[in-house]
Protein backbone atom coordinates (compact mmCIF):
# COMPACT_ATOMS: atom_id res chain seq x y z
CA UNK A 1 81.12 135.73 91.30
CA UNK A 2 82.83 132.71 92.93
CA UNK A 3 80.99 129.87 94.69
CA UNK A 4 82.50 127.22 96.89
CA UNK A 5 81.40 123.92 98.42
CA UNK A 6 78.06 122.19 98.43
CA UNK A 7 76.91 120.99 101.83
CA UNK A 8 77.44 117.38 102.89
CA UNK A 9 73.71 116.71 102.67
CA UNK A 10 73.60 118.12 99.13
CA UNK A 11 76.51 115.88 98.10
CA UNK A 12 74.88 112.83 99.64
CA UNK A 13 71.69 113.54 97.74
CA UNK A 14 73.75 114.03 94.56
CA UNK A 15 75.63 110.71 94.77
CA UNK A 16 72.42 108.87 95.68
CA UNK A 17 70.49 110.37 92.78
CA UNK A 18 72.98 109.44 90.03
CA UNK A 19 70.99 107.59 87.41
CA UNK A 20 72.49 104.80 85.25
CA UNK A 21 74.20 106.10 82.12
CA UNK A 22 75.94 105.02 78.92
CA UNK A 23 79.29 106.66 78.14
CA UNK A 24 81.51 106.50 75.06
CA UNK A 25 85.26 106.86 75.74
CA UNK A 26 87.52 107.82 72.81
CA UNK A 27 91.29 108.00 73.05
CA UNK A 28 94.66 106.34 73.42
CA UNK A 29 94.42 102.81 74.81
CA UNK A 30 97.30 101.52 76.93
CA UNK A 31 98.39 98.72 79.22
CA UNK A 32 99.95 99.52 82.59
CA UNK A 33 102.20 96.69 83.78
CA UNK A 34 103.60 96.54 87.31
CA UNK A 35 106.56 94.35 88.20
CA UNK A 36 106.70 94.09 91.99
CA UNK A 37 109.72 93.06 93.98
CA UNK A 38 112.17 93.63 96.78
CA UNK A 39 114.92 96.22 96.35
CA UNK A 40 117.36 95.38 99.14
CA UNK A 41 120.79 95.75 97.58
CA UNK A 42 122.97 97.50 95.01
CA UNK A 43 124.37 95.58 92.06
CA UNK A 44 128.06 94.62 92.06
CA UNK A 45 128.13 95.28 88.31
CA UNK A 46 127.00 98.92 88.41
CA UNK A 47 125.69 101.49 90.93
CA UNK A 48 122.05 100.46 90.42
CA UNK A 49 119.41 98.80 92.59
CA UNK A 50 118.72 95.12 92.13
CA UNK A 51 115.01 94.35 92.04
CA UNK A 52 114.20 90.78 93.10
CA UNK A 53 110.92 90.41 91.20
CA UNK A 54 108.12 88.58 93.01
CA UNK A 55 104.97 89.28 90.96
CA UNK A 56 103.56 90.99 87.90
CA UNK A 57 100.22 92.76 87.44
CA UNK A 58 98.52 94.19 84.36
CA UNK A 59 96.00 97.05 84.53
CA UNK A 60 94.14 99.03 81.90
CA UNK A 61 95.82 102.35 81.12
CA UNK A 62 95.15 105.61 79.31
CA UNK A 63 91.65 105.86 77.83
CA UNK A 64 91.10 102.21 78.77
CA UNK A 65 91.65 103.15 82.40
CA UNK A 66 89.09 105.97 82.14
CA UNK A 67 86.63 103.42 80.75
CA UNK A 68 87.40 101.02 83.60
CA UNK A 69 86.94 103.74 86.23
CA UNK A 70 83.56 104.59 84.69
CA UNK A 71 82.54 100.92 84.93
CA UNK A 72 83.49 101.04 88.60
CA UNK A 73 81.13 103.99 89.02
CA UNK A 74 78.30 101.95 87.52
CA UNK A 75 78.21 103.33 83.96
CA UNK A 76 77.78 101.26 80.81
CA UNK A 77 80.86 101.97 78.68
CA UNK A 78 81.90 101.67 75.04
CA UNK A 79 85.52 102.40 74.13
CA UNK A 80 86.98 103.54 70.79
CA UNK A 81 90.68 103.62 69.94
CA UNK A 82 93.57 101.68 68.40
CA UNK A 83 95.52 98.63 69.57
CA UNK A 84 98.47 96.92 67.97
CA UNK A 85 98.21 93.39 66.66
CA UNK A 86 100.38 92.07 69.48
CA UNK A 87 100.16 90.20 72.77
CA UNK A 88 99.88 93.48 74.69
CA UNK A 89 96.85 94.47 72.62
CA UNK A 90 95.24 91.09 73.25
CA UNK A 91 95.83 91.56 76.96
CA UNK A 92 94.06 94.95 76.85
CA UNK A 93 91.12 93.34 75.05
CA UNK A 94 90.85 90.58 77.68
CA UNK A 95 90.91 93.10 80.53
CA UNK A 96 88.22 95.18 78.82
CA UNK A 97 86.10 92.06 78.39
CA UNK A 98 86.56 91.15 82.07
CA UNK A 99 85.31 94.62 83.03
CA UNK A 100 82.32 94.26 80.66
CA UNK A 101 83.42 97.19 78.52
CA UNK A 102 82.17 97.20 74.92
CA UNK A 103 85.26 97.08 72.66
CA UNK A 104 83.42 97.22 69.32
CA UNK A 105 85.04 100.59 68.52
CA UNK A 106 88.65 99.33 68.69
CA UNK A 107 90.75 99.25 65.52
CA UNK A 108 93.67 96.82 65.25
CA UNK A 109 96.78 98.26 63.56
CA UNK A 110 99.39 95.54 63.08
CA UNK A 111 102.01 98.14 62.09
CA UNK A 112 102.19 99.75 65.52
CA UNK A 113 102.79 98.35 69.01
CA UNK A 114 100.16 98.69 71.71
CA UNK A 115 101.30 101.36 74.16
CA UNK A 116 102.80 99.64 77.21
CA UNK A 117 103.99 101.40 80.35
CA UNK A 118 105.98 98.98 82.48
CA UNK A 119 106.68 100.09 86.02
CA UNK A 120 109.22 98.35 88.22
CA UNK A 121 108.15 98.76 91.82
CA UNK A 122 110.45 98.00 94.74
CA UNK A 123 109.95 97.67 98.45
CA UNK A 124 112.83 97.93 100.91
CA UNK A 125 113.04 97.43 104.67
CA UNK A 126 109.28 96.91 104.92
CA UNK A 127 108.50 100.42 103.65
CA UNK A 128 105.87 101.45 101.11
CA UNK A 129 106.52 100.35 97.55
CA UNK A 130 107.97 102.95 95.17
CA UNK A 131 108.65 103.03 91.46
CA UNK A 132 112.27 102.28 90.65
CA UNK A 133 112.00 102.59 86.87
CA UNK A 134 109.37 103.03 84.14
CA UNK A 135 109.90 101.71 80.61
CA UNK A 136 107.52 102.84 77.83
CA UNK A 137 106.92 101.08 74.52
CA UNK A 138 104.85 103.18 72.14
CA UNK A 139 104.46 104.86 68.79
CA UNK A 140 102.76 108.27 68.67
CA UNK A 141 102.03 108.20 64.94
CA UNK A 142 98.79 109.87 63.91
CA UNK A 143 96.04 107.79 62.31
CA UNK A 144 95.98 107.74 58.51
CA UNK A 145 92.88 108.73 56.53
CA UNK A 146 91.60 105.15 56.23
CA UNK A 147 91.95 104.51 59.96
CA UNK A 148 90.27 107.81 60.79
CA UNK A 149 87.31 106.96 58.58
CA UNK A 150 86.89 103.46 60.08
CA UNK A 151 87.12 104.73 63.65
CA UNK A 152 84.81 107.68 63.05
CA UNK A 153 82.20 105.35 61.57
CA UNK A 154 82.20 103.25 64.75
CA UNK A 155 82.12 106.37 66.93
CA UNK A 156 79.15 107.85 65.07
CA UNK A 157 77.22 104.63 65.71
CA UNK A 158 78.16 104.59 69.41
CA UNK A 159 77.16 108.23 69.93
CA UNK A 160 73.57 107.23 69.14
CA UNK A 161 73.30 105.39 72.47
CA UNK A 162 75.61 107.60 74.56
CA UNK A 163 74.61 110.03 77.30
CA UNK A 164 78.12 111.55 77.34
CA UNK A 165 81.27 111.27 75.20
CA UNK A 166 84.69 111.40 76.89
CA UNK A 167 87.80 112.22 74.87
CA UNK A 168 90.92 110.99 76.70
CA UNK A 169 93.80 112.39 74.63
CA UNK A 170 97.29 111.25 75.66
CA UNK A 171 98.97 112.47 72.46
CA UNK A 172 99.61 109.01 71.00
CA UNK A 173 97.98 109.68 67.64
CA UNK A 174 94.32 108.69 67.95
CA UNK A 175 92.78 112.10 68.66
CA UNK A 176 93.61 113.80 65.36
CA UNK A 177 92.01 117.16 64.56
CA UNK A 178 89.98 115.54 61.77
CA UNK A 179 88.69 112.74 63.99
CA UNK A 180 87.78 115.16 66.78
CA UNK A 181 85.97 117.47 64.36
CA UNK A 182 83.82 114.52 63.29
CA UNK A 183 83.18 113.53 66.91
CA UNK A 184 82.16 117.06 67.89
CA UNK A 185 79.84 117.40 64.89
CA UNK A 186 78.09 114.08 65.52
CA UNK A 187 77.73 114.75 69.26
CA UNK A 188 76.29 118.21 68.53
CA UNK A 189 73.73 116.67 66.16
CA UNK A 190 72.61 114.29 68.90
CA UNK A 191 72.88 116.91 71.69
CA UNK A 192 75.37 114.70 73.56
CA UNK A 193 77.86 116.50 75.87
CA UNK A 194 81.57 115.96 75.12
CA UNK A 195 84.07 116.07 77.97
CA UNK A 196 87.75 116.37 77.03
CA UNK A 197 90.84 115.42 79.02
CA UNK A 198 93.48 117.07 76.77
CA UNK A 199 97.06 116.10 76.03
CA UNK A 200 99.83 118.29 77.37
CA UNK A 201 101.44 120.74 74.97
CA UNK A 202 99.07 120.17 72.03
CA UNK A 203 97.02 122.62 70.01
CA UNK A 204 93.82 123.02 72.01
CA UNK A 205 91.91 124.41 69.03
CA UNK A 206 91.19 120.78 68.13
CA UNK A 207 88.86 120.64 71.15
CA UNK A 208 86.48 123.33 69.91
CA UNK A 209 82.94 122.02 70.13
CA UNK A 210 83.50 120.26 73.45
CA UNK A 211 81.12 120.91 76.35
CA UNK A 212 83.69 120.68 79.16
CA UNK A 213 87.48 120.71 79.04
CA UNK A 214 89.29 119.32 82.10
CA UNK A 215 92.95 120.32 82.22
CA UNK A 216 95.45 119.79 85.03
CA UNK A 217 97.75 122.49 86.32
CA UNK A 218 100.59 121.81 83.85
CA UNK A 219 98.22 121.49 80.88
CA UNK A 220 96.53 124.77 81.75
CA UNK A 221 99.90 126.51 82.01
CA UNK A 222 101.06 125.07 78.68
CA UNK A 223 97.84 126.03 76.88
CA UNK A 224 97.59 129.58 78.24
CA UNK A 225 101.19 130.62 78.92
CA UNK A 226 100.15 131.48 82.48
CA UNK A 227 101.74 130.33 85.71
CA UNK A 228 99.09 128.56 87.79
CA UNK A 229 100.07 128.54 91.45
CA UNK A 230 96.67 128.87 93.15
CA UNK A 231 92.93 128.80 92.53
CA UNK A 232 92.85 132.46 91.45
CA UNK A 233 95.42 131.72 88.72
CA UNK A 234 93.47 128.61 87.74
CA UNK A 235 90.24 130.55 87.35
CA UNK A 236 91.96 133.10 85.12
CA UNK A 237 93.44 130.28 83.01
CA UNK A 238 90.06 128.56 82.82
CA UNK A 239 88.35 131.76 81.64
CA UNK A 240 91.09 132.36 79.04
CA UNK A 241 90.70 128.82 77.68
CA UNK A 242 86.93 129.10 77.69
CA UNK A 243 87.06 132.36 75.75
CA UNK A 244 89.82 131.49 73.26
CA UNK A 245 88.62 127.96 72.54
CA UNK A 246 84.92 128.93 72.59
CA UNK A 247 84.18 126.28 75.21
CA UNK A 248 81.12 126.40 77.49
CA UNK A 249 82.98 125.24 80.63
CA UNK A 250 86.59 124.61 81.71
CA UNK A 251 87.77 122.73 84.79
CA UNK A 252 91.34 122.98 86.08
CA UNK A 253 92.52 120.32 88.54
CA UNK A 254 95.11 121.53 91.02
CA UNK A 255 96.27 118.37 92.86
CA UNK A 256 96.72 119.45 96.52
CA UNK A 257 94.76 122.69 95.91
CA UNK A 258 91.58 121.00 94.70
CA UNK A 259 89.79 122.16 91.57
CA UNK A 260 88.54 125.33 89.94
CA UNK A 261 86.08 125.85 87.10
CA UNK A 262 84.28 128.47 85.06
CA UNK A 263 80.72 127.51 84.11
CA UNK A 264 78.81 128.40 80.91
CA UNK A 265 77.19 131.41 82.59
CA UNK A 266 80.61 132.74 83.65
CA UNK A 267 80.25 131.72 87.28
CA UNK A 268 83.52 130.62 88.88
CA UNK A 269 83.49 127.75 91.38
CA UNK A 270 86.26 126.28 93.50
CA UNK A 271 86.46 123.00 95.41
CA UNK A 272 89.30 122.81 97.96
CA UNK A 273 90.55 119.31 98.65
CA UNK A 274 90.81 117.64 102.06
CA UNK A 275 94.26 116.71 103.34
CA UNK A 276 95.02 113.07 102.48
CA UNK A 277 97.94 110.69 102.75
CA UNK A 278 99.24 110.71 99.17
CA UNK A 279 100.56 107.30 98.18
CA UNK A 280 100.62 107.69 94.38
CA UNK A 281 99.23 110.43 92.12
CA UNK A 282 98.86 108.03 89.15
CA UNK A 283 95.31 107.97 87.87
CA UNK A 284 93.98 110.96 89.82
CA UNK A 285 93.28 112.92 86.63
CA UNK A 286 91.59 109.92 85.02
CA UNK A 287 89.45 109.47 88.14
CA UNK A 288 88.45 113.13 88.07
CA UNK A 289 87.32 113.08 84.44
CA UNK A 290 85.50 109.76 84.95
CA UNK A 291 83.56 111.15 87.93
CA UNK A 292 82.70 114.36 86.07
CA UNK A 293 81.47 112.32 83.10
CA UNK A 294 79.41 109.93 85.24
CA UNK A 295 77.91 112.88 87.12
CA UNK A 296 76.96 114.85 84.02
CA UNK A 297 75.59 111.70 82.33
CA UNK A 298 73.68 110.93 85.52
CA UNK A 299 71.89 114.27 85.49
CA UNK A 300 73.92 116.27 88.02
CA UNK A 301 74.89 119.93 87.70
CA UNK A 302 78.57 120.69 87.09
CA UNK A 303 78.95 122.07 90.62
CA UNK A 304 78.05 118.68 92.10
CA UNK A 305 80.14 116.88 89.47
CA UNK A 306 83.18 118.94 90.40
CA UNK A 307 82.77 118.26 94.12
CA UNK A 308 82.34 114.52 93.60
CA UNK A 309 85.34 114.42 91.24
CA UNK A 310 87.46 116.15 93.86
CA UNK A 311 86.51 113.54 96.46
CA UNK A 312 87.02 110.62 94.06
CA UNK A 313 90.45 111.86 92.99
CA UNK A 314 91.39 112.25 96.66
CA UNK A 315 90.54 108.61 97.28
CA UNK A 316 92.54 107.61 94.20
CA UNK A 317 95.83 109.14 95.40
CA UNK A 318 95.65 107.07 98.59
CA UNK A 319 96.21 103.93 96.45
CA UNK A 320 99.10 102.68 94.38
CA UNK A 321 98.51 103.06 90.67
CA UNK A 322 95.19 103.57 88.96
CA UNK A 323 92.49 101.67 90.86
CA UNK A 324 88.71 101.59 90.62
CA UNK A 325 86.93 103.76 93.20
CA UNK A 326 83.36 102.59 93.80
CA UNK A 327 80.40 104.92 94.30
CA UNK A 328 79.85 103.47 97.76
CA UNK A 329 83.40 104.47 98.75
CA UNK A 330 82.80 108.03 97.57
CA UNK A 331 79.57 108.12 99.54
CA UNK A 332 81.30 106.86 102.66
CA UNK A 333 83.94 109.57 102.29
CA UNK A 334 81.21 112.21 102.06
CA UNK A 335 79.43 110.77 105.09
CA UNK A 336 82.60 110.59 107.20
CA UNK A 337 80.72 112.47 109.94
CA UNK A 338 79.21 109.58 111.91
CA UNK A 339 75.87 111.30 112.20
CA UNK A 340 75.45 111.04 108.45
CA UNK A 341 75.38 107.26 108.60
CA UNK A 342 71.71 107.60 109.55
CA UNK A 343 69.62 107.16 106.41
CA UNK A 344 66.01 107.14 105.39
CA UNK A 345 64.80 103.74 104.18
CA UNK A 346 64.26 105.11 100.66
CA UNK A 347 67.86 106.35 100.42
CA UNK A 348 69.19 103.19 102.01
CA UNK A 349 67.38 101.10 99.40
CA UNK A 350 69.28 102.96 96.66
CA UNK A 351 72.55 102.52 98.54
CA UNK A 352 71.93 98.79 99.01
CA UNK A 353 71.26 98.45 95.28
CA UNK A 354 74.61 100.08 94.54
CA UNK A 355 76.43 97.78 96.98
CA UNK A 356 74.97 94.78 95.16
CA UNK A 357 76.06 96.20 91.81
CA UNK A 358 79.58 96.30 93.25
CA UNK A 359 79.34 92.64 94.33
CA UNK A 360 79.21 93.39 98.07
CA UNK A 361 77.15 91.45 100.61
CA UNK A 362 74.87 93.11 103.17
CA UNK A 363 74.08 92.10 106.76
CA UNK A 364 71.11 93.53 108.68
CA UNK A 365 70.93 93.70 112.47
CA UNK A 366 68.09 95.26 114.44
CA UNK A 367 67.17 96.23 117.99
CA UNK A 368 66.25 99.01 120.39
CA UNK A 369 69.82 99.81 121.53
CA UNK A 370 68.60 101.75 124.55
CA UNK A 371 71.57 102.58 126.81
CA UNK A 372 74.24 101.21 124.50
CA UNK A 373 76.39 98.64 126.34
CA UNK A 374 79.07 95.99 125.82
CA UNK A 375 76.49 93.38 124.85
CA UNK A 376 75.31 95.57 121.98
CA UNK A 377 78.91 96.16 120.94
CA UNK A 378 79.68 92.42 120.87
CA UNK A 379 76.53 91.75 118.85
CA UNK A 380 77.29 94.40 116.23
CA UNK A 381 80.97 93.50 115.93
CA UNK A 382 80.01 89.87 115.31
CA UNK A 383 77.32 90.97 112.84
CA UNK A 384 79.82 93.05 110.86
CA UNK A 385 81.95 89.96 110.26
CA UNK A 386 79.16 88.16 108.42
CA UNK A 387 79.11 90.43 105.34
CA UNK A 388 80.90 93.30 103.60
CA UNK A 389 78.41 95.92 104.83
CA UNK A 390 76.48 96.14 108.11
CA UNK A 391 73.16 98.00 108.26
CA UNK A 392 71.48 98.41 111.64
CA UNK A 393 67.73 99.01 111.97
CA UNK A 394 66.87 100.83 115.22
CA UNK A 395 63.36 100.75 116.69
CA UNK A 396 61.65 104.13 116.87
CA UNK A 397 60.60 105.60 120.23
CA UNK A 398 56.98 104.53 119.69
CA UNK A 399 58.13 101.08 118.66
CA UNK A 400 60.21 100.71 121.82
CA UNK A 401 57.26 101.80 123.99
CA UNK A 402 55.08 99.12 122.44
CA UNK A 403 57.76 96.49 123.05
CA UNK A 404 59.18 97.59 126.43
CA UNK A 405 56.49 99.71 128.11
CA UNK A 406 55.77 103.41 128.57
CA UNK A 407 58.91 104.07 130.63
CA UNK A 408 61.14 103.20 127.72
CA UNK A 409 63.17 104.23 125.85
CA UNK A 410 65.50 106.09 128.17
CA UNK A 411 67.38 107.57 125.20
CA UNK A 412 65.45 109.11 122.27
CA UNK A 413 65.68 107.48 118.82
CA UNK A 414 67.80 110.18 117.19
CA UNK A 415 70.48 109.79 119.89
CA UNK A 416 70.28 105.98 119.90
CA UNK A 417 70.74 105.94 116.13
CA UNK A 418 73.66 108.38 116.37
CA UNK A 419 75.39 106.25 119.01
CA UNK A 420 75.03 103.09 116.93
CA UNK A 421 76.19 104.94 113.81
CA UNK A 422 79.32 106.11 115.63
CA UNK A 423 80.58 102.53 115.95
CA UNK A 424 83.32 101.68 113.46
CA UNK A 425 81.76 98.30 112.67
CA UNK A 426 78.46 99.89 111.51
CA UNK A 427 78.11 101.26 107.98
CA UNK A 428 74.52 102.59 107.95
CA UNK A 429 71.63 103.09 110.39
CA UNK A 430 67.92 103.34 109.69
CA UNK A 431 65.11 104.01 112.19
CA UNK A 432 61.90 102.01 111.69
CA UNK A 433 58.53 102.44 113.37
CA UNK A 434 56.86 99.04 112.84
CA UNK A 435 56.79 96.30 115.47
CA UNK A 436 58.89 94.02 113.25
CA UNK A 437 61.71 94.69 110.76
CA UNK A 438 59.76 93.05 107.93
CA UNK A 439 59.44 96.30 105.97
CA UNK A 440 63.17 96.98 106.24
CA UNK A 441 63.99 93.42 105.16
CA UNK A 442 61.67 93.60 102.15
CA UNK A 443 63.20 96.92 101.05
CA UNK A 444 66.88 96.05 101.58
CA UNK A 445 66.87 92.26 101.00
CA UNK A 446 69.98 91.63 103.14
CA UNK A 447 72.15 88.61 102.42
CA UNK A 448 72.40 87.91 106.15
CA UNK A 449 69.91 88.66 108.95
CA UNK A 450 71.79 88.75 112.25
CA UNK A 451 70.31 88.50 115.76
CA UNK A 452 72.08 88.41 119.10
CA UNK A 453 70.96 86.53 122.21
CA UNK A 454 69.33 83.26 123.25
CA UNK A 455 67.56 82.43 120.01
CA UNK A 456 67.43 79.53 117.62
CA UNK A 457 67.59 80.68 113.99
CA UNK A 458 63.97 79.61 113.41
CA UNK A 459 62.89 81.99 116.22
CA UNK A 460 64.38 85.10 114.58
CA UNK A 461 61.71 87.52 113.35
CA UNK A 462 61.98 87.91 109.59
CA UNK A 463 63.71 84.57 109.04
CA UNK A 464 61.09 83.34 106.60
CA UNK A 465 61.44 86.44 104.40
CA UNK A 466 65.23 86.23 104.20
CA UNK A 467 65.38 82.51 103.55
CA UNK A 468 62.64 82.75 100.91
CA UNK A 469 64.92 84.74 98.58
CA UNK A 470 68.07 82.73 99.41
CA UNK A 471 69.53 84.70 102.32
CA UNK A 472 70.54 83.23 105.66
CA UNK A 473 69.99 83.89 109.36
CA UNK A 474 72.79 83.99 111.93
CA UNK A 475 72.61 84.22 115.72
CA UNK A 476 75.69 85.77 117.32
CA UNK A 477 77.28 85.14 120.69
CA UNK A 478 75.94 87.02 123.66
CA UNK A 479 77.39 88.62 126.78
CA UNK A 480 76.00 87.04 129.96
CA UNK A 481 74.16 89.14 132.54
CA UNK A 482 74.24 92.26 130.37
CA UNK A 483 71.12 94.07 129.17
CA UNK A 484 69.58 97.52 129.26
CA UNK A 485 66.93 96.27 131.73
CA UNK A 486 69.65 95.06 134.15
CA UNK A 487 71.49 98.38 133.85
CA UNK A 488 68.30 100.32 134.66
CA UNK A 489 67.53 98.02 137.61
CA UNK A 490 71.06 98.43 138.96
CA UNK A 491 70.81 102.21 138.69
CA UNK A 492 67.51 102.21 140.60
CA UNK A 493 68.92 100.10 143.39
CA UNK A 494 72.27 101.86 143.51
CA UNK A 495 74.08 98.56 142.86
CA UNK A 496 77.06 98.43 140.51
CA UNK A 497 76.96 96.15 137.48
CA UNK A 498 79.45 93.31 137.23
CA UNK A 499 81.50 93.08 134.06
CA UNK A 500 79.68 91.06 131.39
CA UNK A 501 81.04 87.66 130.47
CA UNK A 502 81.15 86.59 126.83
CA UNK A 503 79.15 83.42 126.31
CA UNK A 504 79.92 80.65 123.89
CA UNK A 505 78.27 80.91 120.47
CA UNK A 506 74.54 80.41 120.48
CA UNK A 507 72.72 78.75 117.59
CA UNK A 508 73.90 79.54 114.08
């Protein structure tokens, strides 16, 4: 039996319901360094490009990148692995600290260099940047017995507090069979799921005891001897791995073809990917395993985890290099249909909390928005510039009748909310039934309360609530001679409306 996609509403409920989690990441820690520059000419000394370097950037790589991606998804993260006693290792530690990742499980080995992948990235004739060269510095020597024992001791302590363990094996020597056997045994004792991202070409018997194995197309081919060209091949490879390695579940990622998995009950599921502009495939696999881990740790079923991982990996390939993808971005991708910007206040409260966790500011605008016109558009565009996220509270039909009379609204609330939500400057819409937006303000606690029209800030309803917790009130510019009432009057008298004129800014 094969199942396919969850509905958009089911995915929205899944991403909104993710509970906070603690995740332990074990594996090969690396530093990704990018040297950016302009590649405009060929050297006179040899037939090679000359890169005129302009900047350098360091990012966490390998298992450290998986940990960083999990932090971006809102998880608490502890990382265990090995760094060299060098400047590169110190740089990895500083980046982990900046991301608030617990590095107590990191062993320093002065006899080996920290793995460094240095990418030289050139841009020519104003085109997208592309890698010109990659230089790796690494030693793939396996841990010795003493190092294994030290690291396993730290891991056993960290498992006590973990909801999920992730093994990110890049074949650099940390994930020895002995270490993994100890990890699997301790996790089994504590009933903690273990999710493995395996190395390519290794002996997969070392992963016995894992809960989920996530292999990419090439890894699945190498481990099974099968050619994986489509989802049917992937499902056969997944079932073979599940059977031979005695694993409950196996996921195979298929880049442009999405993902396929076989669940513990033998059910096969597939998740086709949406067409995206692929900028760089680096980090897509790390993003997928991070999203699966955060989903499982957050209480979601593997079906939902797989779907969310597919979406998150799709967002990753639109960026250059491995970059954090926030939960709010994944949610926005799910809700790409404008109608799904309309939220209940309860859901929107959870979403607002996540935005704040990501350091984003929120603006709240409110109104009836009956017969949407250029004045509304100007108001909302100005409101969107005051914060990172714009939420619009729309008066319900009963609320409009109390404010405007029994003949209003002309357009029912569901359609008014859909029209507002279709505007590119609006991120979310909520319908409220009270006479004032006080309840919405108390639930969402916006950083900025925005009102349009001839108001002084002290006249804006809800000002006292917002300013009491440190927010601010802004009044936007208005469009002269433009309102729903004037449009209705003009329609009744058969007189055309004149084009609205944008007024100077009102009070701020």
